[in-house]
Amino acid sequence: MDSRPIGVFDSGIGGISLMRNMIRLLPGEDFIYYGDEKHAPYGTKSEEEILALSLNVVDFLLKHDVKAIVIACNTATSAAAKPLRSSLSLPIIGIEPALKPAQLERKNGGIAVLATPATLRQNKFLSLMKLYGEGAIPVPCPGLMEFVERGITEGEELDVFLNKTLEPLKEIELDGAVLGCTHYSFLARAISKALRGVRLYDGNEGTARQLKRVLEEKGLLSVKQKGTVSLYTSSDSSAAIALMQTLLLKPIEL
């Protein structure tokens, strides 16, 4: 058993959506969350830039003696998970678009995959498409995660943006839509409305279960009844921490 904290990071505050799943599944664990708002969004950067930023954040988490690291960002997982696993001995848990579960439930319609441009062009996603991409329609959504970073999860401005971004899908029969960025989970209601109620999928619950499995296998689970959550940001604004705290309590409707 191990009472050290679990480190979690994202390009911003989107990974808080995954934090909610992990806290619910592992209530006795301590978590340290780092949102790299200063350098957000990662999704429009090169893979080399994303890796460098991720390594910098991991250095911060290692100074807090974390026992495992969760990359709560699809884009950063694609760029940094493999290099981190090759250089560190502690568990590295990544997240990926929930294309597999969406594909397993697909009937005759398509599966829209909403993600950042970087996620959609990286090798990890391309490999996922080869396995589970039948009927999948990649939809780059530059600018969408920034709504969450600004604390906007509903309203006319968001609806107008989504209707424009998702316009190519309006005439396509869809069986589901994959939220390929952890930020998008907070926009589920607005996205569902724009896509006329299609079923949404994210990778949060599967990632939380994977973390629990790895901690159990390695004997790293905490014995405490109730853990703590510490929030950090690279931003100079205290508003970022306040927004993280608010989003930890915000209902998500998938």
C-alpha atoms as a PDB file:
ATOM      1  CA  MET A   1       0.000   0.000   0.000  1.00  0.00           C
ATOM      2  CA  ASP A   2       1.196   3.502  -0.771  1.00  0.00           C
ATOM      3  CA  SER A   3      -0.151   6.832   0.508  1.00  0.00           C
ATOM      4  CA  ARG A   4       1.805   9.026  -1.920  1.00  0.00           C
ATOM      5  CA  PRO A   5      -0.294  11.197  -4.243  1.00  0.00           C
ATOM      6  CA  ILE A   6      -1.235  10.576  -7.865  1.00  0.00           C
ATOM      7  CA  GLY A   7      -0.132  13.270 -10.300  1.00  0.00           C
ATOM      8  CA  VAL A   8      -2.571  14.385 -12.992  1.00  0.00           C
ATOM      9  CA  PHE A   9      -2.029  16.952 -15.722  1.00  0.00           C
ATOM     10  CA  ASP A  10      -3.721  18.529 -18.712  1.00  0.00           C
ATOM     11  CA  SER A  11      -3.081  21.434 -21.049  1.00  0.00           C
ATOM     12  CA  GLY A  12      -5.660  23.341 -19.031  1.00  0.00           C
ATOM     13  CA  ILE A  13      -8.663  22.591 -16.875  1.00  0.00           C
ATOM     14  CA  GLY A  14     -10.303  19.958 -19.095  1.00  0.00           C
ATOM     15  CA  GLY A  15      -8.702  17.101 -17.169  1.00  0.00           C
ATOM     16  CA  ILE A  16     -10.883  18.029 -14.207  1.00  0.00           C
ATOM     17  CA  SER A  17     -13.604  16.029 -15.984  1.00  0.00           C
ATOM     18  CA  LEU A  18     -11.405  12.922 -15.655  1.00  0.00           C
ATOM     19  CA  MET A  19     -10.514  13.846 -12.069  1.00  0.00           C
ATOM     20  CA  ARG A  20     -14.174  13.494 -11.128  1.00  0.00           C
ATOM     21  CA  ASN A  21     -14.214   9.872 -12.318  1.00  0.00           C
ATOM     22  CA  MET A  22     -10.957   9.030 -10.547  1.00  0.00           C
ATOM     23  CA  ILE A  23     -12.040  10.591  -7.254  1.00  0.00           C
ATOM     24  CA  ARG A  24     -15.330   8.678  -7.362  1.00  0.00           C
ATOM     25  CA  LEU A  25     -13.584   5.374  -8.121  1.00  0.00           C
ATOM     26  CA  LEU A  26     -10.617   5.943  -5.769  1.00  0.00           C
ATOM     27  CA  PRO A  27     -11.950   8.085  -2.888  1.00  0.00           C
ATOM     28  CA  GLY A  28      -9.014   7.270  -0.592  1.00  0.00           C
ATOM     29  CA  GLU A  29      -6.339   8.597  -2.951  1.00  0.00           C
ATOM     30  CA  ASP A  30      -4.608  11.980  -2.819  1.00  0.00           C
ATOM     31  CA  PHE A  31      -4.451  13.750  -6.191  1.00  0.00           C
ATOM     32  CA  ILE A  32      -2.243  16.592  -7.401  1.00  0.00           C
ATOM     33  CA  TYR A  33      -3.679  18.252 -10.508  1.00  0.00           C
ATOM     34  CA  TYR A  34      -1.671  20.594 -12.715  1.00  0.00           C
ATOM     35  CA  GLY A  35      -3.335  22.594 -15.471  1.00  0.00           C
ATOM     36  CA  ASP A  36      -0.899  24.171 -17.912  1.00  0.00           C
ATOM     37  CA  GLU A  37      -3.149  27.144 -18.778  1.00  0.00           C
ATOM     38  CA  LYS A  38      -0.179  29.350 -19.571  1.00  0.00           C
ATOM     39  CA  HIS A  39       0.616  27.201 -22.613  1.00  0.00           C
ATOM     40  CA  ALA A  40      -2.905  26.129 -23.607  1.00  0.00           C
ATOM     41  CA  PRO A  41      -4.079  24.990 -26.034  1.00  0.00           C
ATOM     42  CA  TYR A  42      -1.786  22.046 -26.752  1.00  0.00           C
ATOM     43  CA  GLY A  43      -4.019  20.959 -29.609  1.00  0.00           C
ATOM     44  CA  THR A  44      -2.665  23.470 -32.122  1.00  0.00           C
ATOM     45  CA  LYS A  45       1.022  22.906 -31.280  1.00  0.00           C
ATOM     46  CA  SER A  46       3.570  20.576 -32.856  1.00  0.00           C
ATOM     47  CA  GLU A  47       4.254  17.179 -31.310  1.00  0.00           C
ATOM     48  CA  GLU A  48       7.728  18.350 -30.276  1.00  0.00           C
ATOM     49  CA  GLU A  49       6.287  21.360 -28.445  1.00  0.00           C
ATOM     50  CA  ILE A  50       3.652  19.230 -26.716  1.00  0.00           C
ATOM     51  CA  LEU A  51       6.285  16.745 -25.537  1.00  0.00           C
ATOM     52  CA  ALA A  52       8.516  19.509 -24.169  1.00  0.00           C
ATOM     53  CA  LEU A  53       5.618  21.095 -22.271  1.00  0.00           C
ATOM     54  CA  SER A  54       4.515  17.722 -20.908  1.00  0.00           C
ATOM     55  CA  LEU A  55       8.014  16.906 -19.656  1.00  0.00           C
ATOM     56  CA  ASN A  56       8.143  20.238 -17.868  1.00  0.00           C
ATOM     57  CA  VAL A  57       4.862  19.515 -16.071  1.00  0.00           C
ATOM     58  CA  VAL A  58       5.998  15.991 -15.168  1.00  0.00           C
ATOM     59  CA  ASP A  59       9.110  17.450 -13.543  1.00  0.00           C
ATOM     60  CA  PHE A  60       6.807  19.507 -11.321  1.00  0.00           C
ATOM     61  CA  LEU A  61       4.776  16.449 -10.352  1.00  0.00           C
ATOM     62  CA  LEU A  62       7.849  14.330  -9.634  1.00  0.00           C
ATOM     63  CA  LYS A  63       9.003  16.959  -7.135  1.00  0.00           C
ATOM     64  CA  HIS A  64       5.816  16.162  -5.215  1.00  0.00           C
ATOM     65  CA  ASP A  65       6.811  12.483  -4.998  1.00  0.00           C
ATOM     66  CA  VAL A  66       3.858  11.147  -6.977  1.00  0.00           C
ATOM     67  CA  LYS A  67       3.444   7.366  -7.253  1.00  0.00           C
ATOM     68  CA  ALA A  68       1.764   7.467 -10.671  1.00  0.00           C
ATOM     69  CA  ILE A  69       1.046  10.018 -13.382  1.00  0.00           C
ATOM     70  CA  VAL A  70      -2.193  10.354 -15.316  1.00  0.00           C
ATOM     71  CA  ILE A  71      -2.069  12.317 -18.566  1.00  0.00           C
ATOM     72  CA  ALA A  72      -5.593  13.765 -18.603  1.00  0.00           C
ATOM     73  CA  CYS A  73      -5.235  15.068 -22.148  1.00  0.00           C
ATOM     74  CA  ASN A  74      -5.678  13.146 -25.403  1.00  0.00           C
ATOM     75  CA  THR A  75      -3.185  15.349 -27.245  1.00  0.00           C
ATOM     76  CA  ALA A  76      -0.497  15.072 -24.563  1.00  0.00           C
ATOM     77  CA  THR A  77      -1.049  11.324 -24.245  1.00  0.00           C
ATOM     78  CA  SER A  78      -0.309  10.871 -27.937  1.00  0.00           C
ATOM     79  CA  ALA A  79       2.859  12.949 -27.765  1.00  0.00           C
ATOM     80  CA  ALA A  80       4.266  12.104 -24.341  1.00  0.00           C
ATOM     81  CA  ALA A  81       3.009   8.780 -22.955  1.00  0.00           C
ATOM     82  CA  LYS A  82       5.497   6.559 -24.785  1.00  0.00           C
ATOM     83  CA  PRO A  83       8.597   8.708 -24.017  1.00  0.00           C
ATOM     84  CA  LEU A  84       7.569   8.986 -20.367  1.00  0.00           C
ATOM     85  CA  ARG A  85       7.073   5.246 -20.013  1.00  0.00           C
ATOM     86  CA  SER A  86      10.508   4.612 -21.465  1.00  0.00           C
ATOM     87  CA  SER A  87      12.232   7.019 -19.072  1.00  0.00           C
ATOM     88  CA  LEU A  88      10.300   6.626 -15.795  1.00  0.00           C
ATOM     89  CA  SER A  89       9.674   3.597 -13.604  1.00  0.00           C
ATOM     90  CA  LEU A  90       6.364   4.760 -12.133  1.00  0.00           C
ATOM     91  CA  PRO A  91       3.031   4.005 -13.880  1.00  0.00           C
ATOM     92  CA  ILE A  92       2.002   6.376 -16.671  1.00  0.00           C
ATOM     93  CA  ILE A  93      -1.715   6.271 -17.484  1.00  0.00           C
ATOM     94  CA  GLY A  94      -2.925   7.996 -20.631  1.00  0.00           C
ATOM     95  CA  ILE A  95      -6.310   8.689 -22.182  1.00  0.00           C
ATOM     96  CA  GLU A  96      -7.482   8.215 -25.738  1.00  0.00           C
ATOM     97  CA  PRO A  97     -10.682   8.966 -27.676  1.00  0.00           C
ATOM     98  CA  ALA A  98     -13.401   6.417 -26.807  1.00  0.00           C
ATOM     99  CA  LEU A  99     -13.672   5.187 -30.386  1.00  0.00           C
ATOM    100  CA  LYS A 100     -13.705   1.499 -29.447  1.00  0.00           C
ATOM    101  CA  PRO A 101     -16.830   1.580 -27.219  1.00  0.00           C
ATOM    102  CA  ALA A 102     -18.587   3.834 -29.727  1.00  0.00           C
ATOM    103  CA  GLN A 103     -17.747   1.434 -32.546  1.00  0.00           C
ATOM    104  CA  LEU A 104     -18.986  -1.575 -30.575  1.00  0.00           C
ATOM    105  CA  GLU A 105     -22.420   0.047 -30.277  1.00  0.00           C
ATOM    106  CA  ARG A 106     -22.568   1.446 -33.808  1.00  0.00           C
ATOM    107  CA  LYS A 107     -25.365   0.254 -36.065  1.00  0.00           C
ATOM    108  CA  ASN A 108     -25.508   1.686 -39.587  1.00  0.00           C
ATOM    109  CA  GLY A 109     -24.654   5.312 -38.915  1.00  0.00           C
ATOM    110  CA  GLY A 110     -21.381   7.140 -38.564  1.00  0.00           C
ATOM    111  CA  ILE A 111     -19.314   7.993 -35.488  1.00  0.00           C
ATOM    112  CA  ALA A 112     -18.162  11.602 -35.256  1.00  0.00           C
ATOM    113  CA  VAL A 113     -14.825  12.048 -33.477  1.00  0.00           C
ATOM    114  CA  LEU A 114     -14.494  15.574 -32.102  1.00  0.00           C
ATOM    115  CA  ALA A 115     -10.908  16.414 -31.130  1.00  0.00           C
ATOM    116  CA  THR A 116      -8.121  18.939 -31.403  1.00  0.00           C
ATOM    117  CA  PRO A 117      -6.236  19.145 -34.701  1.00  0.00           C
ATOM    118  CA  ALA A 118      -3.098  17.760 -33.016  1.00  0.00           C
ATOM    119  CA  THR A 119      -4.884  14.686 -31.648  1.00  0.00           C
ATOM    120  CA  LEU A 120      -6.346  13.843 -35.045  1.00  0.00           C
ATOM    121  CA  ARG A 121      -3.014  13.991 -36.865  1.00  0.00           C
ATOM    122  CA  GLN A 122      -0.916  12.048 -34.349  1.00  0.00           C
ATOM    123  CA  ASN A 123       0.123   8.436 -34.917  1.00  0.00           C
ATOM    124  CA  LYS A 124      -1.700   7.158 -31.842  1.00  0.00           C
ATOM    125  CA  PHE A 125      -5.046   8.310 -33.190  1.00  0.00           C
ATOM    126  CA  LEU A 126      -4.264   7.074 -36.696  1.00  0.00           C
ATOM    127  CA  SER A 127      -3.522   3.635 -35.233  1.00  0.00           C
ATOM    128  CA  LEU A 128      -6.805   3.749 -33.304  1.00  0.00           C
ATOM    129  CA  MET A 129      -8.611   4.564 -36.535  1.00  0.00           C
ATOM    130  CA  LYS A 130      -7.121   1.500 -38.228  1.00  0.00           C
ATOM    131  CA  LEU A 131      -8.567  -0.708 -35.496  1.00  0.00           C
ATOM    132  CA  TYR A 132     -11.932   0.915 -34.786  1.00  0.00           C
ATOM    133  CA  GLY A 133     -12.376   3.599 -37.421  1.00  0.00           C
ATOM    134  CA  GLU A 134     -15.023   2.051 -39.661  1.00  0.00           C
ATOM    135  CA  GLY A 135     -17.664   4.729 -40.154  1.00  0.00           C
ATOM    136  CA  ALA A 136     -15.674   7.226 -38.086  1.00  0.00           C
ATOM    137  CA  ILE A 137     -15.631  10.889 -39.148  1.00  0.00           C
ATOM    138  CA  PRO A 138     -12.766  12.931 -37.629  1.00  0.00           C
ATOM    139  CA  VAL A 139     -13.879  16.497 -36.859  1.00  0.00           C
ATOM    140  CA  PRO A 140     -11.142  18.975 -35.853  1.00  0.00           C
ATOM    141  CA  CYS A 141     -12.488  21.528 -33.384  1.00  0.00           C
ATOM    142  CA  PRO A 142      -9.883  24.308 -33.003  1.00  0.00           C
ATOM    143  CA  GLY A 143     -11.075  26.877 -30.498  1.00  0.00           C
ATOM    144  CA  LEU A 144     -13.621  24.665 -28.725  1.00  0.00           C
ATOM    145  CA  MET A 145     -11.599  23.870 -25.603  1.00  0.00           C
ATOM    146  CA  GLU A 146     -11.056  27.585 -25.040  1.00  0.00           C
ATOM    147  CA  PHE A 147     -14.717  27.970 -24.120  1.00  0.00           C
ATOM    148  CA  VAL A 148     -14.147  25.777 -21.065  1.00  0.00           C
ATOM    149  CA  GLU A 149     -10.947  27.667 -20.237  1.00  0.00           C
ATOM    150  CA  ARG A 150     -13.070  30.835 -20.155  1.00  0.00           C
ATOM    151  CA  GLY A 151     -15.668  29.173 -17.946  1.00  0.00           C
ATOM    152  CA  ILE A 152     -18.280  29.009 -20.727  1.00  0.00           C
ATOM    153  CA  THR A 153     -20.102  25.665 -20.846  1.00  0.00           C
ATOM    154  CA  GLU A 154     -23.427  26.810 -22.314  1.00  0.00           C
ATOM    155  CA  GLY A 155     -25.060  29.796 -23.966  1.00  0.00           C
ATOM    156  CA  GLU A 156     -25.596  31.443 -27.337  1.00  0.00           C
ATOM    157  CA  GLU A 157     -21.917  32.093 -28.136  1.00  0.00           C
ATOM    158  CA  LEU A 158     -21.081  28.417 -27.658  1.00  0.00           C
ATOM    159  CA  ASP A 159     -24.161  27.264 -29.591  1.00  0.00           C
ATOM    160  CA  VAL A 160     -23.247  29.444 -32.584  1.00  0.00           C
ATOM    161  CA  PHE A 161     -19.666  28.125 -32.549  1.00  0.00           C
ATOM    162  CA  LEU A 162     -20.796  24.486 -32.368  1.00  0.00           C
ATOM    163  CA  ASN A 163     -23.410  24.857 -35.089  1.00  0.00           C
ATOM    164  CA  LYS A 164     -20.767  26.273 -37.416  1.00  0.00           C
ATOM    165  CA  THR A 165     -18.064  23.745 -36.485  1.00  0.00           C
ATOM    166  CA  LEU A 166     -20.390  20.745 -36.688  1.00  0.00           C
ATOM    167  CA  GLU A 167     -22.225  21.906 -39.812  1.00  0.00           C
ATOM    168  CA  PRO A 168     -20.639  19.146 -41.992  1.00  0.00           C
ATOM    169  CA  LEU A 169     -22.335  16.533 -39.769  1.00  0.00           C
ATOM    170  CA  LYS A 170     -25.867  17.893 -40.075  1.00  0.00           C
ATOM    171  CA  GLU A 171     -26.777  15.774 -43.115  1.00  0.00           C
ATOM    172  CA  ILE A 172     -25.046  12.598 -41.857  1.00  0.00           C
ATOM    173  CA  GLU A 173     -26.824   9.888 -39.892  1.00  0.00           C
ATOM    174  CA  LEU A 174     -24.828   9.408 -36.702  1.00  0.00           C
ATOM    175  CA  ASP A 175     -24.945   6.625 -34.148  1.00  0.00           C
ATOM    176  CA  GLY A 176     -22.624   8.426 -31.776  1.00  0.00           C
ATOM    177  CA  ALA A 177     -20.052  11.132 -31.210  1.00  0.00           C
ATOM    178  CA  VAL A 178     -16.734  10.698 -29.417  1.00  0.00           C
ATOM    179  CA  LEU A 179     -15.501  13.544 -27.229  1.00  0.00           C
ATOM    180  CA  GLY A 180     -11.798  13.352 -28.018  1.00  0.00           C
ATOM    181  CA  CYS A 181     -10.700  16.071 -25.586  1.00  0.00           C
ATOM    182  CA  THR A 182     -11.308  16.078 -21.833  1.00  0.00           C
ATOM    183  CA  HIS A 183     -12.491  19.693 -22.049  1.00  0.00           C
ATOM    184  CA  TYR A 184     -15.397  18.636 -24.243  1.00  0.00           C
ATOM    185  CA  SER A 185     -17.045  16.578 -21.487  1.00  0.00           C
ATOM    186  CA  PHE A 186     -18.052  19.851 -19.833  1.00  0.00           C
ATOM    187  CA  LEU A 187     -19.730  20.875 -23.100  1.00  0.00           C
ATOM    188  CA  ALA A 188     -21.697  17.625 -23.473  1.00  0.00           C
ATOM    189  CA  ARG A 189     -25.126  19.214 -23.195  1.00  0.00           C
ATOM    190  CA  ALA A 190     -24.369  21.858 -25.821  1.00  0.00           C
ATOM    191  CA  ILE A 191     -22.715  19.327 -28.152  1.00  0.00           C
ATOM    192  CA  SER A 192     -25.650  16.934 -27.800  1.00  0.00           C
ATOM    193  CA  LYS A 193     -28.054  19.753 -28.685  1.00  0.00           C
ATOM    194  CA  ALA A 194     -26.006  20.699 -31.756  1.00  0.00           C
ATOM    195  CA  LEU A 195     -25.995  17.043 -32.879  1.00  0.00           C
ATOM    196  CA  ARG A 196     -29.720  16.529 -32.196  1.00  0.00           C
ATOM    197  CA  GLY A 197     -29.320  14.247 -29.184  1.00  0.00           C
ATOM    198  CA  VAL A 198     -26.830  11.744 -30.575  1.00  0.00           C
ATOM    199  CA  ARG A 199     -25.172   9.549 -27.934  1.00  0.00           C
ATOM    200  CA  LEU A 200     -21.846  10.898 -26.657  1.00  0.00           C
ATOM    201  CA  TYR A 201     -18.780   8.931 -25.528  1.00  0.00           C
ATOM    202  CA  ASP A 202     -15.705  10.014 -23.604  1.00  0.00           C
ATOM    203  CA  GLY A 203     -12.712   8.066 -22.302  1.00  0.00           C
ATOM    204  CA  ASN A 204     -12.874   9.242 -18.697  1.00  0.00           C
ATOM    205  CA  GLU A 205     -14.451   6.238 -16.987  1.00  0.00           C
ATOM    206  CA  GLY A 206     -12.250   3.748 -18.827  1.00  0.00           C
ATOM    207  CA  THR A 207      -9.130   5.691 -17.895  1.00  0.00           C
ATOM    208  CA  ALA A 208     -10.158   5.852 -14.234  1.00  0.00           C
ATOM    209  CA  ARG A 209     -10.709   2.076 -14.203  1.00  0.00           C
ATOM    210  CA  GLN A 210      -7.318   1.524 -15.821  1.00  0.00           C
ATOM    211  CA  LEU A 211      -5.659   3.622 -13.128  1.00  0.00           C
ATOM    212  CA  LYS A 212      -7.327   1.554 -10.416  1.00  0.00           C
ATOM    213  CA  ARG A 213      -6.273  -1.730 -12.078  1.00  0.00           C
ATOM    214  CA  VAL A 214      -2.644  -0.604 -12.317  1.00  0.00           C
ATOM    215  CA  LEU A 215      -2.528   0.601  -8.703  1.00  0.00           C
ATOM    216  CA  GLU A 216      -4.016  -2.701  -7.520  1.00  0.00           C
ATOM    217  CA  GLU A 217      -1.568  -4.775  -9.589  1.00  0.00           C
ATOM    218  CA  LYS A 218       1.430  -2.867  -8.250  1.00  0.00           C
ATOM    219  CA  GLY A 219       0.262  -2.678  -4.647  1.00  0.00           C
ATOM    220  CA  LEU A 220       0.074   1.104  -4.743  1.00  0.00           C
ATOM    221  CA  LEU A 221      -3.457   1.707  -3.460  1.00  0.00           C
ATOM    222  CA  SER A 222      -3.868   4.021  -0.492  1.00  0.00           C
ATOM    223  CA  VAL A 223      -5.393   2.675   2.722  1.00  0.00           C
ATOM    224  CA  LYS A 224      -7.015   6.003   3.617  1.00  0.00           C
ATOM    225  CA  GLN A 225     -10.781   6.390   3.645  1.00  0.00           C
ATOM    226  CA  LYS A 226     -10.806   9.890   2.178  1.00  0.00           C
ATOM    227  CA  GLY A 227      -8.148  11.507   0.035  1.00  0.00           C
ATOM    228  CA  THR A 228      -7.353  15.104  -0.852  1.00  0.00           C
ATOM    229  CA  VAL A 229      -7.144  17.107  -4.068  1.00  0.00           C
ATOM    230  CA  SER A 230      -4.475  19.776  -4.619  1.00  0.00           C
ATOM    231  CA  LEU A 231      -4.856  22.063  -7.636  1.00  0.00           C
ATOM    232  CA  TYR A 232      -2.050  23.903  -9.422  1.00  0.00           C
ATOM    233  CA  THR A 233      -1.800  25.978 -12.576  1.00  0.00           C
ATOM    234  CA  SER A 234       0.945  27.565 -14.649  1.00  0.00           C
ATOM    235  CA  SER A 235      -1.294  30.605 -15.079  1.00  0.00           C
ATOM    236  CA  ASP A 236      -0.778  33.727 -12.994  1.00  0.00           C
ATOM    237  CA  SER A 237      -4.524  34.052 -12.522  1.00  0.00           C
ATOM    238  CA  SER A 238      -6.166  32.770  -9.350  1.00  0.00           C
ATOM    239  CA  ALA A 239      -9.378  32.521 -11.377  1.00  0.00           C
ATOM    240  CA  ALA A 240      -8.080  29.303 -12.954  1.00  0.00           C
ATOM    241  CA  ILE A 241      -8.012  27.501  -9.602  1.00  0.00           C
ATOM    242  CA  ALA A 242     -11.467  28.821  -8.733  1.00  0.00           C
ATOM    243  CA  LEU A 243     -12.806  27.542 -12.047  1.00  0.00           C
ATOM    244  CA  MET A 244     -11.234  24.113 -11.449  1.00  0.00           C
ATOM    245  CA  GLN A 245     -12.977  23.945  -8.070  1.00  0.00           C
ATOM    246  CA  THR A 246     -16.294  24.866  -9.664  1.00  0.00           C
ATOM    247  CA  LEU A 247     -15.950  22.307 -12.450  1.00  0.00           C
ATOM    248  CA  LEU A 248     -15.146  19.543  -9.977  1.00  0.00           C
ATOM    249  CA  LEU A 249     -18.723  19.903  -8.771  1.00  0.00           C
ATOM    250  CA  LYS A 250     -20.437  20.553 -12.118  1.00  0.00           C
ATOM    251  CA  PRO A 251     -22.767  17.776 -13.362  1.00  0.00           C
ATOM    252  CA  ILE A 252     -21.731  16.162 -16.666  1.00  0.00           C
ATOM    253  CA  GLU A 253     -24.461  14.704 -18.871  1.00  0.00           C
ATOM    254  CA  LEU A 254     -23.343  12.066 -21.369  1.00  0.00           C
END
